[in-house]
PDB file of N, CA and C in Angstrom:
ATOM      1  N   MET A   1     100.765 103.505 117.534  1.00  0.00           N
ATOM      2  CA  MET A   1     101.187 103.145 116.195  1.00  0.00           C
ATOM      3  C   MET A   1      99.936 103.005 115.328  1.00  0.00           C
ATOM      4  N   ASN A   2      99.975 103.583 114.138  1.00  0.00           N
ATOM      5  CA  ASN A   2      98.812 103.465 113.253  1.00  0.00           C
ATOM      6  C   ASN A   2      98.972 102.279 112.308  1.00  0.00           C
ATOM      7  N   ARG A   3      97.911 101.976 111.559  1.00  0.00           N
ATOM      8  CA  ARG A   3      97.916 100.775 110.705  1.00  0.00           C
ATOM      9  C   ARG A   3      98.982 100.817 109.630  1.00  0.00           C
ATOM     10  N   THR A   4      99.258 102.000 109.095  1.00  0.00           N
ATOM     11  CA  THR A   4     100.278 102.103 108.058  1.00  0.00           C
ATOM     12  C   THR A   4     101.644 101.739 108.621  1.00  0.00           C
ATOM     13  N   GLU A   5     101.953 102.242 109.809  1.00  0.00           N
ATOM     14  CA  GLU A   5     103.220 101.910 110.459  1.00  0.00           C
ATOM     15  C   GLU A   5     103.296 100.426 110.792  1.00  0.00           C
ATOM     16  N   THR A   6     102.197  99.884 111.314  1.00  0.00           N
ATOM     17  CA  THR A   6     102.177  98.465 111.668  1.00  0.00           C
ATOM     18  C   THR A   6     102.427  97.598 110.444  1.00  0.00           C
ATOM     19  N   LEU A   7     101.726  97.884 109.352  1.00  0.00           N
ATOM     20  CA  LEU A   7     101.895  97.081 108.138  1.00  0.00           C
ATOM     21  C   LEU A   7     103.283  97.251 107.531  1.00  0.00           C
ATOM     22  N   HIS A   8     103.807  98.451 107.591  1.00  0.00           N
ATOM     23  CA  HIS A   8     105.160  98.693 107.069  1.00  0.00           C
ATOM     24  C   HIS A   8     106.189  97.886 107.869  1.00  0.00           C
ATOM     25  N   LEU A   9     106.082  97.942 109.188  1.00  0.00           N
ATOM     26  CA  LEU A   9     107.014  97.194 110.028  1.00  0.00           C
ATOM     27  C   LEU A   9     106.837  95.684 109.874  1.00  0.00           C
ATOM     28  N   ALA A  10     105.601  95.234 109.666  1.00  0.00           N
ATOM     29  CA  ALA A  10     105.355  93.809 109.430  1.00  0.00           C
ATOM     30  C   ALA A  10     106.007  93.370 108.116  1.00  0.00           C
ATOM     31  N   THR A  11     105.895  94.199 107.094  1.00  0.00           N
ATOM     32  CA  THR A  11     106.519  93.889 105.803  1.00  0.00           C
ATOM     33  C   THR A  11     108.029  93.779 105.956  1.00  0.00           C
ATOM     34  N   GLN A  12     108.616  94.692 106.697  1.00  0.00           N
ATOM     35  CA  GLN A  12     110.061  94.643 106.941  1.00  0.00           C
ATOM     36  C   GLN A  12     110.441  93.387 107.717  1.00  0.00           C
ATOM     37  N   ALA A  13     109.666  93.056 108.736  1.00  0.00           N
ATOM     38  CA  ALA A  13     109.970  91.882 109.555  1.00  0.00           C
ATOM     39  C   ALA A  13     109.911  90.605 108.730  1.00  0.00           C
ATOM     40  N   VAL A  14     108.883  90.475 107.898  1.00  0.00           N
ATOM     41  CA  VAL A  14     108.749  89.280 107.061  1.00  0.00           C
ATOM     42  C   VAL A  14     109.934  89.174 106.101  1.00  0.00           C
ATOM     43  N   ALA A  15     110.330  90.283 105.501  1.00  0.00           N
ATOM     44  CA  ALA A  15     111.470  90.272 104.576  1.00  0.00           C
ATOM     45  C   ALA A  15     112.764  89.921 105.304  1.00  0.00           C
ATOM     46  N   ASP A  16     112.955  90.477 106.502  1.00  0.00           N
ATOM     47  CA  ASP A  16     114.157  90.173 107.284  1.00  0.00           C
ATOM     48  C   ASP A  16     114.213  88.694 107.654  1.00  0.00           C
ATOM     49  N   ARG A  17     113.069  88.129 108.073  1.00  0.00           N
ATOM     50  CA  ARG A  17     113.039  86.710 108.457  1.00  0.00           C
ATOM     51  C   ARG A  17     113.297  85.810 107.249  1.00  0.00           C
ATOM     52  N   GLU A  18     112.797  86.221 106.079  1.00  0.00           N
ATOM     53  CA  GLU A  18     113.033  85.424 104.876  1.00  0.00           C
ATOM     54  C   GLU A  18     114.520  85.393 104.541  1.00  0.00           C
ATOM     55  N   LYS A  19     115.198  86.510 104.695  1.00  0.00           N
ATOM     56  CA  LYS A  19     116.646  86.541 104.453  1.00  0.00           C
ATOM     57  C   LYS A  19     117.375  85.626 105.434  1.00  0.00           C
ATOM     58  N   ARG A  20     116.917  85.606 106.676  1.00  0.00           N
ATOM     59  CA  ARG A  20     117.586  84.830 107.713  1.00  0.00           C
ATOM     60  C   ARG A  20     117.240  83.349 107.648  1.00  0.00           C
ATOM     61  N   TYR A  21     115.951  83.021 107.437  1.00  0.00           N
ATOM     62  CA  TYR A  21     115.486  81.636 107.579  1.00  0.00           C
ATOM     63  C   TYR A  21     115.062  80.968 106.270  1.00  0.00           C
ATOM     64  N   GLY A  22     115.009  81.712 105.189  1.00  0.00           N
ATOM     65  CA  GLY A  22     114.596  81.152 103.911  1.00  0.00           C
ATOM     66  C   GLY A  22     113.123  81.386 103.634  1.00  0.00           C
ATOM     67  N   MET A  23     112.655  80.761 102.588  1.00  0.00           N
ATOM     68  CA  MET A  23     111.271  80.950 102.144  1.00  0.00           C
ATOM     69  C   MET A  23     110.293  80.494 103.230  1.00  0.00           C
ATOM     70  N   PRO A  24     109.261  81.287 103.495  1.00  0.00           N
ATOM     71  CA  PRO A  24     108.308  80.923 104.542  1.00  0.00           C
ATOM     72  C   PRO A  24     107.667  79.550 104.347  1.00  0.00           C
ATOM     73  N   ALA A  25     107.287  79.216 103.131  1.00  0.00           N
ATOM     74  CA  ALA A  25     106.635  77.927 102.892  1.00  0.00           C
ATOM     75  C   ALA A  25     107.557  76.769 103.278  1.00  0.00           C
ATOM     76  N   ASP A  26     108.841  76.892 102.964  1.00  0.00           N
ATOM     77  CA  ASP A  26     109.803  75.852 103.323  1.00  0.00           C
ATOM     78  C   ASP A  26     109.976  75.763 104.841  1.00  0.00           C
ATOM     79  N   HIS A  27     110.077  76.907 105.477  1.00  0.00           N
ATOM     80  CA  HIS A  27     110.242  76.943 106.933  1.00  0.00           C
ATOM     81  C   HIS A  27     109.008  76.373 107.635  1.00  0.00           C
ATOM     82  N   PHE A  28     107.821  76.756 107.166  1.00  0.00           N
ATOM     83  CA  PHE A  28     106.586  76.259 107.776  1.00  0.00           C
ATOM     84  C   PHE A  28     106.447  74.751 107.589  1.00  0.00           C
ATOM     85  N   ALA A  29     106.929  74.229 106.462  1.00  0.00           N
ATOM     86  CA  ALA A  29     106.889  72.775 106.254  1.00  0.00           C
ATOM     87  C   ALA A  29     107.769  72.066 107.273  1.00  0.00           C
ATOM     88  N   LYS A  30     108.940  72.636 107.564  1.00  0.00           N
ATOM     89  CA  LYS A  30     109.823  72.040 108.576  1.00  0.00           C
ATOM     90  C   LYS A  30     109.185  72.096 109.958  1.00  0.00           C
ATOM     91  N   VAL A  31     108.619  73.248 110.291  1.00  0.00           N
ATOM     92  CA  VAL A  31     107.979  73.400 111.603  1.00  0.00           C
ATOM     93  C   VAL A  31     106.804  72.433 111.730  1.00  0.00           C
ATOM     94  N   ALA A  32     106.000  72.305 110.672  1.00  0.00           N
ATOM     95  CA  ALA A  32     104.851  71.398 110.700  1.00  0.00           C
ATOM     96  C   ALA A  32     105.303  69.959 110.931  1.00  0.00           C
ATOM     97  N   MET A  33     106.371  69.566 110.282  1.00  0.00           N
ATOM     98  CA  MET A  33     106.893  68.214 110.472  1.00  0.00           C
ATOM     99  C   MET A  33     107.337  68.010 111.918  1.00  0.00           C
ATOM    100  N   LEU A  34     108.065  68.969 112.467  1.00  0.00           N
ATOM    101  CA  LEU A  34     108.548  68.859 113.843  1.00  0.00           C
ATOM    102  C   LEU A  34     107.394  68.851 114.840  1.00  0.00           C
ATOM    103  N   TRP A  35     106.413  69.721 114.664  1.00  0.00           N
ATOM    104  CA  TRP A  35     105.257  69.737 115.552  1.00  0.00           C
ATOM    105  C   TRP A  35     104.485  68.430 115.453  1.00  0.00           C
ATOM    106  N   GLY A  36     104.333  67.921 114.232  1.00  0.00           N
ATOM    107  CA  GLY A  36     103.630  66.650 114.051  1.00  0.00           C
ATOM    108  C   GLY A  36     104.307  65.517 114.806  1.00  0.00           C
ATOM    109  N   GLU A  37     105.630  65.472 114.716  1.00  0.00           N
ATOM    110  CA  GLU A  37     106.386  64.447 115.445  1.00  0.00           C
ATOM    111  C   GLU A  37     106.279  64.652 116.951  1.00  0.00           C
ATOM    112  N   ALA A  38     106.373  65.888 117.384  1.00  0.00           N
ATOM    113  CA  ALA A  38     106.356  66.184 118.823  1.00  0.00           C
ATOM    114  C   ALA A  38     104.995  65.906 119.450  1.00  0.00           C
ATOM    115  N   PHE A  39     103.922  66.238 118.720  1.00  0.00           N
ATOM    116  CA  PHE A  39     102.586  66.149 119.300  1.00  0.00           C
ATOM    117  C   PHE A  39     101.806  64.910 118.870  1.00  0.00           C
ATOM    118  N   GLY A  40     102.306  64.209 117.863  1.00  0.00           N
ATOM    119  CA  GLY A  40     101.673  62.962 117.455  1.00  0.00           C
ATOM    120  C   GLY A  40     100.429  63.111 116.604  1.00  0.00           C
ATOM    121  N   TRP A  41     100.266  64.235 115.952  1.00  0.00           N
ATOM    122  CA  TRP A  41      99.157  64.385 115.004  1.00  0.00           C
ATOM    123  C   TRP A  41      99.632  65.176 113.806  1.00  0.00           C
ATOM    124  N   SER A  42      98.862  65.121 112.752  1.00  0.00           N
ATOM    125  CA  SER A  42      99.232  65.767 111.500  1.00  0.00           C
ATOM    126  C   SER A  42      99.105  67.286 111.614  1.00  0.00           C
ATOM    127  N   VAL A  43     100.169  67.967 111.257  1.00  0.00           N
ATOM    128  CA  VAL A  43     100.169  69.427 111.193  1.00  0.00           C
ATOM    129  C   VAL A  43     100.554  69.802 109.769  1.00  0.00           C
ATOM    130  N   GLN A  44      99.754  70.635 109.151  1.00  0.00           N
ATOM    131  CA  GLN A  44     100.025  71.075 107.788  1.00  0.00           C
ATOM    132  C   GLN A  44     100.770  72.406 107.820  1.00  0.00           C
ATOM    133  N   PRO A  45     101.628  72.657 106.831  1.00  0.00           N
ATOM    134  CA  PRO A  45     102.390  73.907 106.815  1.00  0.00           C
ATOM    135  C   PRO A  45     101.522  75.164 106.900  1.00  0.00           C
ATOM    136  N   GLN A  46     100.343  75.132 106.300  1.00  0.00           N
ATOM    137  CA  GLN A  46      99.491  76.322 106.327  1.00  0.00           C
ATOM    138  C   GLN A  46      98.910  76.593 107.711  1.00  0.00           C
ATOM    139  N   HIS A  47      98.998  75.615 108.612  1.00  0.00           N
ATOM    140  CA  HIS A  47      98.518  75.813 109.975  1.00  0.00           C
ATOM    141  C   HIS A  47      99.539  76.532 110.859  1.00  0.00           C
ATOM    142  N   VAL A  48     100.801  76.494 110.466  1.00  0.00           N
ATOM    143  CA  VAL A  48     101.861  77.060 111.303  1.00  0.00           C
ATOM    144  C   VAL A  48     101.688  78.563 111.514  1.00  0.00           C
ATOM    145  N   PRO A  49     101.526  79.383 110.451  1.00  0.00           N
ATOM    146  CA  PRO A  49     101.372  80.814 110.721  1.00  0.00           C
ATOM    147  C   PRO A  49     100.097  81.128 111.495  1.00  0.00           C
ATOM    148  N   LEU A  50      99.060  80.305 111.346  1.00  0.00           N
ATOM    149  CA  LEU A  50      97.833  80.517 112.122  1.00  0.00           C
ATOM    150  C   LEU A  50      98.084  80.258 113.600  1.00  0.00           C
ATOM    151  N   ALA A  51      98.834  79.193 113.906  1.00  0.00           N
ATOM    152  CA  ALA A  51      99.158  78.893 115.302  1.00  0.00           C
ATOM    153  C   ALA A  51     100.042  79.979 115.901  1.00  0.00           C
ATOM    154  N   LEU A  52     100.992  80.464 115.122  1.00  0.00           N
ATOM    155  CA  LEU A  52     101.860  81.529 115.616  1.00  0.00           C
ATOM    156  C   LEU A  52     101.078  82.829 115.819  1.00  0.00           C
ATOM    157  N   ALA A  53     100.091  83.078 114.963  1.00  0.00           N
ATOM    158  CA  ALA A  53      99.220  84.242 115.154  1.00  0.00           C
ATOM    159  C   ALA A  53      98.441  84.120 116.457  1.00  0.00           C
ATOM    160  N   LEU A  54      97.979  82.915 116.764  1.00  0.00           N
ATOM    161  CA  LEU A  54      97.263  82.699 118.025  1.00  0.00           C
ATOM    162  C   LEU A  54      98.161  82.954 119.230  1.00  0.00           C
ATOM    163  N   LEU A  55      99.429  82.603 119.112  1.00  0.00           N
ATOM    164  CA  LEU A  55     100.378  82.908 120.176  1.00  0.00           C
ATOM    165  C   LEU A  55     100.451  84.410 120.407  1.00  0.00           C
ATOM    166  N   LYS A  56     100.518  85.174 119.326  1.00  0.00           N
ATOM    167  CA  LYS A  56     100.579  86.633 119.450  1.00  0.00           C
ATOM    168  C   LYS A  56      99.295  87.194 120.047  1.00  0.00           C
ATOM    169  N   ILE A  57      98.159  86.617 119.671  1.00  0.00           N
ATOM    170  CA  ILE A  57      96.879  87.059 120.240  1.00  0.00           C
ATOM    171  C   ILE A  57      96.855  86.777 121.741  1.00  0.00           C
ATOM    172  N   ALA A  58      97.320  85.601 122.146  1.00  0.00           N
ATOM    173  CA  ALA A  58      97.351  85.266 123.569  1.00  0.00           C
ATOM    174  C   ALA A  58      98.237  86.238 124.338  1.00  0.00           C
ATOM    175  N   ARG A  59      99.354  86.594 123.765  1.00  0.00           N
ATOM    176  CA  ARG A  59     100.226  87.565 124.426  1.00  0.00           C
ATOM    177  C   ARG A  59      99.565  88.932 124.514  1.00  0.00           C
ATOM    178  N   GLU A  60      98.882  89.314 123.452  1.00  0.00           N
ATOM    179  CA  GLU A  60      98.224  90.628 123.417  1.00  0.00           C
ATOM    180  C   GLU A  60      97.108  90.707 124.442  1.00  0.00           C
ATOM    181  N   VAL A  61      96.397  89.608 124.645  1.00  0.00           N
ATOM    182  CA  VAL A  61      95.334  89.586 125.652  1.00  0.00           C
ATOM    183  C   VAL A  61      95.923  89.845 127.043  1.00  0.00           C
ATOM    184  N   ASN A  62      97.117  89.348 127.263  1.00  0.00           N
ATOM    185  CA  ASN A  62      97.789  89.536 128.549  1.00  0.00           C
ATOM    186  C   ASN A  62      98.314  90.964 128.712  1.00  0.00           C
ATOM    187  N   ALA A  63      98.965  91.465 127.683  1.00  0.00           N
ATOM    188  CA  ALA A  63      99.539  92.814 127.747  1.00  0.00           C
ATOM    189  C   ALA A  63      99.789  93.317 126.341  1.00  0.00           C
ATOM    190  N   HIS A  64      99.374  94.567 126.091  1.00  0.00           N
ATOM    191  CA  HIS A  64      99.574  95.149 124.759  1.00  0.00           C
ATOM    192  C   HIS A  64     101.054  95.339 124.476  1.00  0.00           C
ATOM    193  N   GLY A  65     101.399  95.018 123.251  1.00  0.00           N
ATOM    194  CA  GLY A  65     102.749  95.289 122.769  1.00  0.00           C
ATOM    195  C   GLY A  65     102.694  95.526 121.275  1.00  0.00           C
ATOM    196  N   ASP A  66     103.312  96.607 120.818  1.00  0.00           N
ATOM    197  CA  ASP A  66     103.326  96.873 119.377  1.00  0.00           C
ATOM    198  C   ASP A  66     103.893  95.695 118.603  1.00  0.00           C
ATOM    199  N   ASP A  67     104.885  95.009 119.173  1.00  0.00           N
ATOM    200  CA  ASP A  67     105.475  93.862 118.488  1.00  0.00           C
ATOM    201  C   ASP A  67     104.456  92.751 118.259  1.00  0.00           C
ATOM    202  N   ASN A  68     103.493  92.604 119.176  1.00  0.00           N
ATOM    203  CA  ASN A  68     102.439  91.605 118.972  1.00  0.00           C
ATOM    204  C   ASN A  68     101.629  91.931 117.722  1.00  0.00           C
ATOM    205  N   MET A  69     101.278  93.194 117.564  1.00  0.00           N
ATOM    206  CA  MET A  69     100.462  93.604 116.422  1.00  0.00           C
ATOM    207  C   MET A  69     101.251  93.506 115.116  1.00  0.00           C
ATOM    208  N   ILE A  70     102.518  93.872 115.177  1.00  0.00           N
ATOM    209  CA  ILE A  70     103.375  93.783 113.989  1.00  0.00           C
ATOM    210  C   ILE A  70     103.507  92.325 113.555  1.00  0.00           C
ATOM    211  N   ASP A  71     103.825  91.461 114.501  1.00  0.00           N
ATOM    212  CA  ASP A  71     103.981  90.041 114.170  1.00  0.00           C
ATOM    213  C   ASP A  71     102.661  89.420 113.723  1.00  0.00           C
ATOM    214  N   LEU A  72     101.563  89.816 114.344  1.00  0.00           N
ATOM    215  CA  LEU A  72     100.251  89.299 113.949  1.00  0.00           C
ATOM    216  C   LEU A  72      99.943  89.660 112.501  1.00  0.00           C
ATOM    217  N   ALA A  73     100.237  90.894 112.117  1.00  0.00           N
ATOM    218  CA  ALA A  73     100.032  91.309 110.718  1.00  0.00           C
ATOM    219  C   ALA A  73     100.916  90.498 109.776  1.00  0.00           C
ATOM    220  N   GLY A  74     102.146  90.260 110.188  1.00  0.00           N
ATOM    221  CA  GLY A  74     103.053  89.461 109.363  1.00  0.00           C
ATOM    222  C   GLY A  74     102.582  88.030 109.216  1.00  0.00           C
ATOM    223  N   TYR A  75     102.146  87.424 110.314  1.00  0.00           N
ATOM    224  CA  TYR A  75     101.650  86.053 110.238  1.00  0.00           C
ATOM    225  C   TYR A  75     100.378  85.959 109.391  1.00  0.00           C
ATOM    226  N   ALA A  76      99.522  86.975 109.464  1.00  0.00           N
ATOM    227  CA  ALA A  76      98.321  86.987 108.623  1.00  0.00           C
ATOM    228  C   ALA A  76      98.702  87.012 107.139  1.00  0.00           C
ATOM    229  N   ALA A  77      99.672  87.838 106.802  1.00  0.00           N
ATOM    230  CA  ALA A  77     100.119  87.906 105.409  1.00  0.00           C
ATOM    231  C   ALA A  77     100.717  86.576 104.961  1.00  0.00           C
ATOM    232  N   LEU A  78     101.520  85.966 105.811  1.00  0.00           N
ATOM    233  CA  LEU A  78     102.142  84.698 105.464  1.00  0.00           C
ATOM    234  C   LEU A  78     101.100  83.571 105.382  1.00  0.00           C
ATOM    235  N   ALA A  79     100.101  83.620 106.250  1.00  0.00           N
ATOM    236  CA  ALA A  79      99.033  82.611 106.179  1.00  0.00           C
ATOM    237  C   ALA A  79      98.316  82.690 104.847  1.00  0.00           C
ATOM    238  N   GLY A  80      98.077  83.897 104.374  1.00  0.00           N
ATOM    239  CA  GLY A  80      97.459  84.062 103.064  1.00  0.00           C
ATOM    240  C   GLY A  80      98.345  83.557 101.938  1.00  0.00           C
ATOM    241  N   GLU A  81      99.640  83.722 102.108  1.00  0.00           N
ATOM    242  CA  GLU A  81     100.588  83.296 101.080  1.00  0.00           C
ATOM    243  C   GLU A  81     100.706  81.783 100.972  1.00  0.00           C
ATOM    244  N   VAL A  82     100.639  81.084 102.097  1.00  0.00           N
ATOM    245  CA  VAL A  82     100.839  79.634 102.067  1.00  0.00           C
ATOM    246  C   VAL A  82      99.537  78.841 102.083  1.00  0.00           C
ATOM    247  N   ALA A  83      98.397  79.533 102.083  1.00  0.00           N
ATOM    248  CA  ALA A  83      97.099  78.859 102.115  1.00  0.00           C
ATOM    249  C   ALA A  83      96.876  78.033 100.859  1.00  0.00           C
TER     250      ALA A  83
END
């Protein structure tokens, strides 16, 4: 898969998730609150897409998957949006 395909699919994935789950900033705020409660430390909404990107990187280190790269591109875009 080339970069144009990866970015195109990432754009589609982000749009699909927004339709399903709502605005990313709102969703990340909910996740940050839940993680903060679960782990006992402060988590900011802008940290959520970075943590999810790290999950994709960890998976990619184990085994290549186009979905890892697509999701990583999407999380990078969302991290820039909520920064």
